[in-house]
Amino acid sequence: MEMRLPSRESCLMFLPASRPQLADMLGVALSATCLVHCLFLPLLLLLAPALAGWIALPEGIHAAILLLALPAAFVAMRGGWRHHGRRAPALAAAAGLALLALGLAAHQGWLGLADREAGDRWLTSLGALTLAAAHLGNWRAQHR
């Protein structure tokens, strides 16, 4: 029995056709990364304290995710707006990015919240969900 590799065309059908679509996919992936970091990592650390030393993430992870999300959202929303002309996805993306930035500010203690960790978790989770919804809405609007 001969084993054949998939054709180039069959592999390419899973890749987006344009940069804005790729940016939307990247934006959704980054938003999912935020959610995993904010929701599941603390739960995992609560359930398994012995793993805390192995899963410790660098302090700059919040800033890094935000710095990756900004250009991905900009490219995706600009390309989407040029294609479909709808402002709602871009406004939702701006709100999501603002919430992510507020989450970073809460994490750093710049907001003066009594519970920095809870503020960080809530703001970042809401921001990630809002940004993911914006990317999905942008993607849907482009395919109507």
Protein backbone atom coordinates (compact mmCIF):
# COMPACT_ATOMS: atom_id res chain seq x y z
CA MET A 1 0.00 0.00 0.00
CA GLU A 2 1.49 3.27 -1.11
CA MET A 3 1.19 6.28 1.18
CA ARG A 4 0.61 9.61 -0.58
CA LEU A 5 0.93 13.09 0.85
CA PRO A 6 -2.05 15.44 0.51
CA SER A 7 -2.00 17.72 -2.51
CA ARG A 8 -1.00 21.36 -2.20
CA GLU A 9 -4.55 22.45 -3.12
CA SER A 10 -6.17 20.38 -0.38
CA CYS A 11 -3.80 21.87 2.20
CA LEU A 12 -4.35 25.42 0.98
CA MET A 13 -8.14 25.23 1.27
CA PHE A 14 -7.79 25.58 5.04
CA LEU A 15 -5.77 28.79 4.81
CA PRO A 16 -7.51 32.17 4.58
CA ALA A 17 -7.50 33.89 1.22
CA SER A 18 -6.45 37.33 2.44
CA ARG A 19 -4.50 39.14 5.13
CA PRO A 20 -7.62 40.48 6.90
CA GLN A 21 -9.01 36.94 7.16
CA LEU A 22 -5.67 35.69 8.49
CA ALA A 23 -5.68 38.58 10.98
CA ASP A 24 -9.21 37.63 12.08
CA MET A 25 -8.10 34.04 12.63
CA LEU A 26 -5.04 35.26 14.53
CA GLY A 27 -7.23 37.58 16.60
CA VAL A 28 -9.56 34.76 17.58
CA ALA A 29 -6.58 32.59 18.51
CA LEU A 30 -5.06 35.38 20.61
CA SER A 31 -8.39 35.99 22.34
CA ALA A 32 -8.64 32.29 23.11
CA THR A 33 -5.12 32.44 24.54
CA CYS A 34 -6.22 35.27 26.83
CA LEU A 35 -9.22 33.27 28.01
CA VAL A 36 -7.14 30.17 28.68
CA HIS A 37 -4.62 32.25 30.59
CA CYS A 38 -7.20 34.17 32.62
CA LEU A 39 -9.77 31.47 33.35
CA PHE A 40 -8.20 28.05 33.15
CA LEU A 41 -4.68 28.68 34.41
CA PRO A 42 -5.85 30.06 37.80
CA LEU A 43 -8.28 27.13 38.11
CA LEU A 44 -5.51 24.68 37.30
CA LEU A 45 -3.22 26.35 39.80
CA LEU A 46 -5.97 26.19 42.44
CA LEU A 47 -6.57 22.50 41.83
CA ALA A 48 -2.91 21.50 41.61
CA PRO A 49 -0.63 23.71 43.73
CA ALA A 50 2.29 21.39 43.02
CA LEU A 51 2.20 22.43 39.35
CA ALA A 52 2.44 26.16 40.09
CA GLY A 53 6.22 26.20 39.75
CA TRP A 54 6.10 24.49 36.36
CA ILE A 55 3.34 26.62 34.81
CA ALA A 56 4.52 30.02 35.99
CA LEU A 57 4.27 32.47 33.10
CA PRO A 58 6.51 35.48 32.68
CA GLU A 59 5.27 38.74 34.17
CA GLY A 60 5.13 40.40 30.74
CA ILE A 61 2.64 37.93 29.23
CA HIS A 62 -0.25 40.44 29.52
CA ALA A 63 1.64 43.15 27.68
CA ALA A 64 2.87 40.69 25.05
CA ILE A 65 -0.64 39.43 24.30
CA LEU A 66 -1.94 43.01 24.03
CA LEU A 67 0.94 43.99 21.72
CA LEU A 68 0.11 41.03 19.47
CA ALA A 69 -3.63 41.69 19.56
CA LEU A 70 -3.36 45.37 18.56
CA PRO A 71 -1.91 44.92 15.05
CA ALA A 72 -3.98 41.77 14.38
CA ALA A 73 -7.18 43.64 15.23
CA PHE A 74 -6.15 46.70 13.22
CA VAL A 75 -5.34 44.72 10.06
CA ALA A 76 -8.46 42.57 10.35
CA MET A 77 -10.87 45.40 11.10
CA ARG A 78 -9.45 47.72 8.45
CA GLY A 79 -9.64 45.01 5.81
CA GLY A 80 -13.12 44.03 6.92
CA TRP A 81 -14.37 47.60 6.88
CA ARG A 82 -13.03 48.06 3.34
CA HIS A 83 -14.87 44.93 2.29
CA HIS A 84 -18.23 45.26 4.06
CA GLY A 85 -18.32 48.88 5.32
CA ARG A 86 -19.72 47.99 8.77
CA ARG A 87 -18.41 49.84 11.81
CA ALA A 88 -19.76 47.48 14.49
CA PRO A 89 -16.91 44.92 14.35
CA ALA A 90 -14.28 47.67 14.59
CA LEU A 91 -16.07 49.35 17.49
CA ALA A 92 -16.37 46.02 19.30
CA ALA A 93 -12.67 45.35 18.66
CA ALA A 94 -11.77 48.78 20.07
CA ALA A 95 -13.87 48.05 23.18
CA GLY A 96 -12.22 44.64 23.56
CA LEU A 97 -8.74 46.12 23.22
CA ALA A 98 -9.61 48.83 25.76
CA LEU A 99 -10.78 46.17 28.22
CA LEU A 100 -7.55 44.21 27.64
CA ALA A 101 -5.55 47.37 28.32
CA LEU A 102 -7.56 47.98 31.50
CA GLY A 103 -6.87 44.39 32.52
CA LEU A 104 -3.15 45.03 32.07
CA ALA A 105 -3.47 48.22 34.11
CA ALA A 106 -5.31 46.32 36.87
CA HIS A 107 -2.64 43.62 36.85
CA GLN A 108 0.09 46.23 37.24
CA GLY A 109 -1.80 47.94 40.07
CA TRP A 110 -2.28 51.18 38.14
CA LEU A 111 -6.05 51.28 38.74
CA GLY A 112 -5.85 51.15 42.53
CA LEU A 113 -8.33 48.28 42.81
CA ALA A 114 -8.65 46.50 46.15
CA ASP A 115 -8.33 43.10 44.42
CA ARG A 116 -5.88 43.46 41.53
CA GLU A 117 -6.10 39.80 40.50
CA ALA A 118 -9.90 39.79 40.28
CA GLY A 119 -9.90 43.07 38.34
CA ASP A 120 -7.28 41.72 35.97
CA ARG A 121 -9.14 38.45 35.46
CA TRP A 122 -12.56 40.08 34.86
CA LEU A 123 -11.36 42.89 32.62
CA THR A 124 -9.06 40.68 30.56
CA SER A 125 -11.68 37.94 30.17
CA LEU A 126 -14.35 40.44 29.07
CA GLY A 127 -11.87 42.05 26.71
CA ALA A 128 -10.86 38.72 25.18
CA LEU A 129 -14.50 37.68 24.71
CA THR A 130 -15.40 41.05 23.19
CA LEU A 131 -12.40 40.97 20.86
CA ALA A 132 -13.12 37.39 19.78
CA ALA A 133 -16.75 38.35 19.07
CA ALA A 134 -15.52 41.33 17.04
CA HIS A 135 -13.25 39.13 14.94
CA LEU A 136 -16.00 36.56 14.39
CA GLY A 137 -18.48 39.31 13.48
CA ASN A 138 -15.96 40.83 11.07
CA TRP A 139 -15.36 37.43 9.48
CA ARG A 140 -19.11 36.78 9.14
CA ALA A 141 -19.73 40.21 7.61
CA GLN A 142 -17.04 39.55 5.01
CA HIS A 143 -18.68 36.28 3.99
CA ARG A 144 -22.24 37.53 3.45
